[in-house]
Amino acid sequence: MSKAMAVPFRALMLASGVVLSACGGPMPGETPAPEQPAAPTETVTAEQDARPVNAMDITPPTSSLSCSRNRFSGAVSCTGSGANGVPPYRYQWRHAYDYETDGYSDPGTWFDGGTTETEYCPFGFHSPGYYWNITLSFRVIDANGYVSTNTPSQWYNCSTPL
């Protein structure tokens, strides 16, 4: 490169550097633009923060069951409860039977009830006698119509003399 060409090239580079470094600022003789106000800050209350609930946010209903047997009367008494899902709940029960004497089984049907249920189940050894087994099942249906899993009790042995 010749010396004559090197000077204009250097001048061009220097001029472009000055122009590039001046970007963003006011030109001489100009007044600076007023500063933009900061984005408004917003206070959000709990009521405003409430968002729609998706079905995926709701835990399905669950049920639990506790049963005991009165050794004198033979009554099997159960208490069920529900949790999760969306209250109010509907409580449902089912009594299932297994008749040992004739081999017949009855799975029972679901019916509405409260949180307690009792089934009469006398027991003892009878010869001749009629023998069967019972179990009580409990489930919860929430306000959205979702059904909990069935919670069965243990099987109880029952008998009466023939």
C-alpha atoms as a PDB file:
ATOM      1  CA  MET A   1       0.000   0.000   0.000  1.00  0.00           C
ATOM      2  CA  SER A   2       1.393   3.428  -0.876  1.00  0.00           C
ATOM      3  CA  LYS A   3       1.951   6.189   1.634  1.00  0.00           C
ATOM      4  CA  ALA A   4      -0.547   8.409  -0.127  1.00  0.00           C
ATOM      5  CA  MET A   5      -3.282   5.814   0.288  1.00  0.00           C
ATOM      6  CA  ALA A   6      -2.470   5.003   3.898  1.00  0.00           C
ATOM      7  CA  VAL A   7      -3.347   8.527   5.171  1.00  0.00           C
ATOM      8  CA  PRO A   8      -6.912   8.630   3.761  1.00  0.00           C
ATOM      9  CA  PHE A   9      -7.489   5.077   5.035  1.00  0.00           C
ATOM     10  CA  ARG A  10      -6.368   6.066   8.528  1.00  0.00           C
ATOM     11  CA  ALA A  11      -8.539   9.179   8.428  1.00  0.00           C
ATOM     12  CA  LEU A  12     -11.504   7.127   7.354  1.00  0.00           C
ATOM     13  CA  MET A  13     -10.985   4.660  10.202  1.00  0.00           C
ATOM     14  CA  LEU A  14     -10.604   7.461  12.743  1.00  0.00           C
ATOM     15  CA  ALA A  15     -13.737   9.246  11.514  1.00  0.00           C
ATOM     16  CA  SER A  16     -15.815   6.090  11.606  1.00  0.00           C
ATOM     17  CA  GLY A  17     -14.625   5.378  15.163  1.00  0.00           C
ATOM     18  CA  VAL A  18     -15.653   8.872  16.303  1.00  0.00           C
ATOM     19  CA  VAL A  19     -19.084   8.514  14.686  1.00  0.00           C
ATOM     20  CA  LEU A  20     -19.669   5.081  16.196  1.00  0.00           C
ATOM     21  CA  SER A  21     -18.653   6.161  19.679  1.00  0.00           C
ATOM     22  CA  ALA A  22     -21.004   9.143  19.549  1.00  0.00           C
ATOM     23  CA  CYS A  23     -24.131   7.030  18.962  1.00  0.00           C
ATOM     24  CA  GLY A  24     -26.837   7.394  21.582  1.00  0.00           C
ATOM     25  CA  GLY A  25     -25.841  10.754  22.988  1.00  0.00           C
ATOM     26  CA  PRO A  26     -27.157  14.179  22.060  1.00  0.00           C
ATOM     27  CA  MET A  27     -25.368  16.079  19.294  1.00  0.00           C
ATOM     28  CA  PRO A  28     -23.670  19.309  20.225  1.00  0.00           C
ATOM     29  CA  GLY A  29     -26.303  22.011  20.620  1.00  0.00           C
ATOM     30  CA  GLU A  30     -29.126  19.560  21.319  1.00  0.00           C
ATOM     31  CA  THR A  31     -30.842  19.245  24.662  1.00  0.00           C
ATOM     32  CA  PRO A  32     -31.023  15.728  26.122  1.00  0.00           C
ATOM     33  CA  ALA A  33     -34.378  13.974  25.942  1.00  0.00           C
ATOM     34  CA  PRO A  34     -36.238  13.741  29.236  1.00  0.00           C
ATOM     35  CA  GLU A  35     -35.809  10.406  30.979  1.00  0.00           C
ATOM     36  CA  GLN A  36     -38.591   7.915  30.431  1.00  0.00           C
ATOM     37  CA  PRO A  37     -40.555   7.219  33.611  1.00  0.00           C
ATOM     38  CA  ALA A  38     -39.924   3.811  35.122  1.00  0.00           C
ATOM     39  CA  ALA A  39     -42.529   1.146  34.492  1.00  0.00           C
ATOM     40  CA  PRO A  40     -45.244   1.512  37.102  1.00  0.00           C
ATOM     41  CA  THR A  41     -44.948  -0.904  39.989  1.00  0.00           C
ATOM     42  CA  GLU A  42     -48.031  -2.767  40.981  1.00  0.00           C
ATOM     43  CA  THR A  43     -49.074  -4.172  44.346  1.00  0.00           C
ATOM     44  CA  VAL A  44     -51.018  -7.403  43.947  1.00  0.00           C
ATOM     45  CA  THR A  45     -53.375  -8.494  46.698  1.00  0.00           C
ATOM     46  CA  ALA A  46     -54.326 -12.106  47.393  1.00  0.00           C
ATOM     47  CA  GLU A  47     -57.741 -11.529  45.809  1.00  0.00           C
ATOM     48  CA  GLN A  48     -56.173 -10.188  42.614  1.00  0.00           C
ATOM     49  CA  ASP A  49     -53.635 -13.006  42.537  1.00  0.00           C
ATOM     50  CA  ALA A  50     -56.334 -15.671  42.573  1.00  0.00           C
ATOM     51  CA  ARG A  51     -56.209 -17.521  39.309  1.00  0.00           C
ATOM     52  CA  PRO A  52     -58.633 -19.964  37.772  1.00  0.00           C
ATOM     53  CA  VAL A  53     -58.193 -23.471  39.102  1.00  0.00           C
ATOM     54  CA  ASN A  54     -57.524 -26.147  36.542  1.00  0.00           C
ATOM     55  CA  ALA A  55     -58.743 -29.689  37.027  1.00  0.00           C
ATOM     56  CA  MET A  56     -55.087 -30.715  37.152  1.00  0.00           C
ATOM     57  CA  ASP A  57     -54.623 -28.528  40.273  1.00  0.00           C
ATOM     58  CA  ILE A  58     -57.252 -30.403  42.275  1.00  0.00           C
ATOM     59  CA  THR A  59     -56.200 -33.550  44.084  1.00  0.00           C
ATOM     60  CA  PRO A  60     -58.718 -36.359  43.489  1.00  0.00           C
ATOM     61  CA  PRO A  61     -60.930 -37.290  46.432  1.00  0.00           C
ATOM     62  CA  THR A  62     -59.728 -40.016  48.771  1.00  0.00           C
ATOM     63  CA  SER A  63     -61.597 -42.151  51.278  1.00  0.00           C
ATOM     64  CA  SER A  64     -60.651 -43.955  54.456  1.00  0.00           C
ATOM     65  CA  LEU A  65     -62.551 -46.503  56.508  1.00  0.00           C
ATOM     66  CA  SER A  66     -62.400 -47.878  60.039  1.00  0.00           C
ATOM     67  CA  CYS A  67     -64.548 -50.805  61.207  1.00  0.00           C
ATOM     68  CA  SER A  68     -65.058 -52.723  64.430  1.00  0.00           C
ATOM     69  CA  ARG A  69     -67.254 -55.600  65.552  1.00  0.00           C
ATOM     70  CA  ASN A  70     -69.302 -55.735  68.734  1.00  0.00           C
ATOM     71  CA  ARG A  71     -68.538 -59.144  70.211  1.00  0.00           C
ATOM     72  CA  PHE A  72     -71.898 -59.333  71.974  1.00  0.00           C
ATOM     73  CA  SER A  73     -74.335 -58.229  69.272  1.00  0.00           C
ATOM     74  CA  GLY A  74     -72.239 -59.161  66.247  1.00  0.00           C
ATOM     75  CA  ALA A  75     -72.840 -55.729  64.694  1.00  0.00           C
ATOM     76  CA  VAL A  76     -70.074 -54.570  62.375  1.00  0.00           C
ATOM     77  CA  SER A  77     -69.919 -50.771  62.598  1.00  0.00           C
ATOM     78  CA  CYS A  78     -67.872 -48.715  60.144  1.00  0.00           C
ATOM     79  CA  THR A  79     -66.979 -45.040  59.944  1.00  0.00           C
ATOM     80  CA  GLY A  80     -65.756 -43.528  56.675  1.00  0.00           C
ATOM     81  CA  SER A  81     -64.281 -40.163  55.838  1.00  0.00           C
ATOM     82  CA  GLY A  82     -63.312 -38.224  52.746  1.00  0.00           C
ATOM     83  CA  ALA A  83     -60.514 -35.828  51.921  1.00  0.00           C
ATOM     84  CA  ASN A  84     -59.167 -33.851  48.963  1.00  0.00           C
ATOM     85  CA  GLY A  85     -61.284 -33.193  45.909  1.00  0.00           C
ATOM     86  CA  VAL A  86     -63.957 -30.507  46.147  1.00  0.00           C
ATOM     87  CA  PRO A  87     -66.436 -30.662  49.058  1.00  0.00           C
ATOM     88  CA  PRO A  88     -69.289 -31.194  49.698  1.00  0.00           C
ATOM     89  CA  TYR A  89     -69.044 -34.957  49.381  1.00  0.00           C
ATOM     90  CA  ARG A  90     -71.563 -37.684  48.716  1.00  0.00           C
ATOM     91  CA  TYR A  91     -70.844 -40.791  50.775  1.00  0.00           C
ATOM     92  CA  GLN A  92     -71.606 -44.219  49.338  1.00  0.00           C
ATOM     93  CA  TRP A  93     -71.567 -47.710  50.819  1.00  0.00           C
ATOM     94  CA  ARG A  94     -71.707 -51.235  49.445  1.00  0.00           C
ATOM     95  CA  HIS A  95     -72.297 -54.489  51.330  1.00  0.00           C
ATOM     96  CA  ALA A  96     -70.826 -57.566  49.648  1.00  0.00           C
ATOM     97  CA  TYR A  97     -71.703 -61.106  50.706  1.00  0.00           C
ATOM     98  CA  ASP A  98     -70.067 -64.478  50.154  1.00  0.00           C
ATOM     99  CA  TYR A  99     -72.374 -67.318  51.163  1.00  0.00           C
ATOM    100  CA  GLU A 100     -70.253 -70.319  52.111  1.00  0.00           C
ATOM    101  CA  THR A 101     -73.184 -72.672  52.583  1.00  0.00           C
ATOM    102  CA  ASP A 102     -74.422 -72.507  48.980  1.00  0.00           C
ATOM    103  CA  GLY A 103     -71.415 -70.957  47.189  1.00  0.00           C
ATOM    104  CA  TYR A 104     -73.333 -67.838  46.085  1.00  0.00           C
ATOM    105  CA  SER A 105     -71.626 -64.415  46.068  1.00  0.00           C
ATOM    106  CA  ASP A 106     -73.323 -61.031  45.949  1.00  0.00           C
ATOM    107  CA  PRO A 107     -71.007 -58.064  45.183  1.00  0.00           C
ATOM    108  CA  GLY A 108     -73.722 -55.614  46.332  1.00  0.00           C
ATOM    109  CA  THR A 109     -74.624 -52.261  44.812  1.00  0.00           C
ATOM    110  CA  TRP A 110     -73.594 -48.760  45.840  1.00  0.00           C
ATOM    111  CA  PHE A 111     -76.074 -46.667  47.802  1.00  0.00           C
ATOM    112  CA  ASP A 112     -75.906 -43.174  49.314  1.00  0.00           C
ATOM    113  CA  GLY A 113     -75.470 -42.864  53.045  1.00  0.00           C
ATOM    114  CA  GLY A 114     -73.693 -40.910  55.734  1.00  0.00           C
ATOM    115  CA  THR A 115     -70.266 -41.395  57.264  1.00  0.00           C
ATOM    116  CA  THR A 116     -71.334 -44.399  59.377  1.00  0.00           C
ATOM    117  CA  GLU A 117     -72.814 -47.759  58.438  1.00  0.00           C
ATOM    118  CA  THR A 118     -73.667 -50.918  60.423  1.00  0.00           C
ATOM    119  CA  GLU A 119     -74.298 -54.500  59.291  1.00  0.00           C
ATOM    120  CA  TYR A 120     -75.636 -57.242  61.519  1.00  0.00           C
ATOM    121  CA  CYS A 121     -73.301 -60.247  61.435  1.00  0.00           C
ATOM    122  CA  PRO A 122     -73.920 -62.798  64.188  1.00  0.00           C
ATOM    123  CA  PHE A 123     -71.186 -65.342  64.667  1.00  0.00           C
ATOM    124  CA  GLY A 124     -70.567 -68.603  66.372  1.00  0.00           C
ATOM    125  CA  PHE A 125     -70.412 -72.294  65.573  1.00  0.00           C
ATOM    126  CA  HIS A 126     -73.743 -73.833  64.650  1.00  0.00           C
ATOM    127  CA  SER A 127     -74.313 -77.378  63.502  1.00  0.00           C
ATOM    128  CA  PRO A 128     -76.288 -77.366  61.389  1.00  0.00           C
ATOM    129  CA  GLY A 129     -75.727 -73.722  60.546  1.00  0.00           C
ATOM    130  CA  TYR A 130     -75.758 -71.177  57.794  1.00  0.00           C
ATOM    131  CA  TYR A 131     -72.401 -69.426  57.188  1.00  0.00           C
ATOM    132  CA  TRP A 132     -71.515 -66.351  55.164  1.00  0.00           C
ATOM    133  CA  ASN A 133     -68.945 -63.562  55.015  1.00  0.00           C
ATOM    134  CA  ILE A 134     -69.531 -59.846  54.645  1.00  0.00           C
ATOM    135  CA  THR A 135     -67.428 -56.830  53.776  1.00  0.00           C
ATOM    136  CA  LEU A 136     -68.459 -53.186  53.673  1.00  0.00           C
ATOM    137  CA  SER A 137     -66.940 -50.814  51.129  1.00  0.00           C
ATOM    138  CA  PHE A 138     -66.921 -47.028  51.249  1.00  0.00           C
ATOM    139  CA  ARG A 139     -66.258 -44.327  48.668  1.00  0.00           C
ATOM    140  CA  VAL A 140     -66.591 -40.568  48.291  1.00  0.00           C
ATOM    141  CA  ILE A 141     -67.928 -38.558  45.350  1.00  0.00           C
ATOM    142  CA  ASP A 142     -66.889 -34.893  45.368  1.00  0.00           C
ATOM    143  CA  ALA A 143     -68.805 -31.854  44.112  1.00  0.00           C
ATOM    144  CA  ASN A 144     -67.245 -32.241  40.647  1.00  0.00           C
ATOM    145  CA  GLY A 145     -68.464 -35.842  40.390  1.00  0.00           C
ATOM    146  CA  TYR A 146     -65.020 -37.412  40.845  1.00  0.00           C
ATOM    147  CA  VAL A 147     -65.102 -40.752  42.672  1.00  0.00           C
ATOM    148  CA  SER A 148     -62.479 -41.863  45.180  1.00  0.00           C
ATOM    149  CA  THR A 149     -61.069 -45.368  45.132  1.00  0.00           C
ATOM    150  CA  ASN A 150     -63.183 -47.971  46.892  1.00  0.00           C
ATOM    151  CA  THR A 151     -62.057 -48.626  50.455  1.00  0.00           C
ATOM    152  CA  PRO A 152     -63.183 -52.091  51.623  1.00  0.00           C
ATOM    153  CA  SER A 153     -63.293 -53.377  55.159  1.00  0.00           C
ATOM    154  CA  GLN A 154     -61.929 -56.773  56.084  1.00  0.00           C
ATOM    155  CA  TRP A 155     -64.186 -59.782  55.592  1.00  0.00           C
ATOM    156  CA  TYR A 156     -66.222 -60.758  58.638  1.00  0.00           C
ATOM    157  CA  ASN A 157     -67.459 -64.336  59.256  1.00  0.00           C
ATOM    158  CA  CYS A 158     -71.155 -64.597  60.121  1.00  0.00           C
ATOM    159  CA  SER A 159     -73.358 -67.549  61.020  1.00  0.00           C
ATOM    160  CA  THR A 160     -76.824 -68.495  62.226  1.00  0.00           C
ATOM    161  CA  PRO A 161     -78.327 -71.839  63.198  1.00  0.00           C
ATOM    162  CA  LEU A 162     -80.478 -73.541  60.582  1.00  0.00           C
END
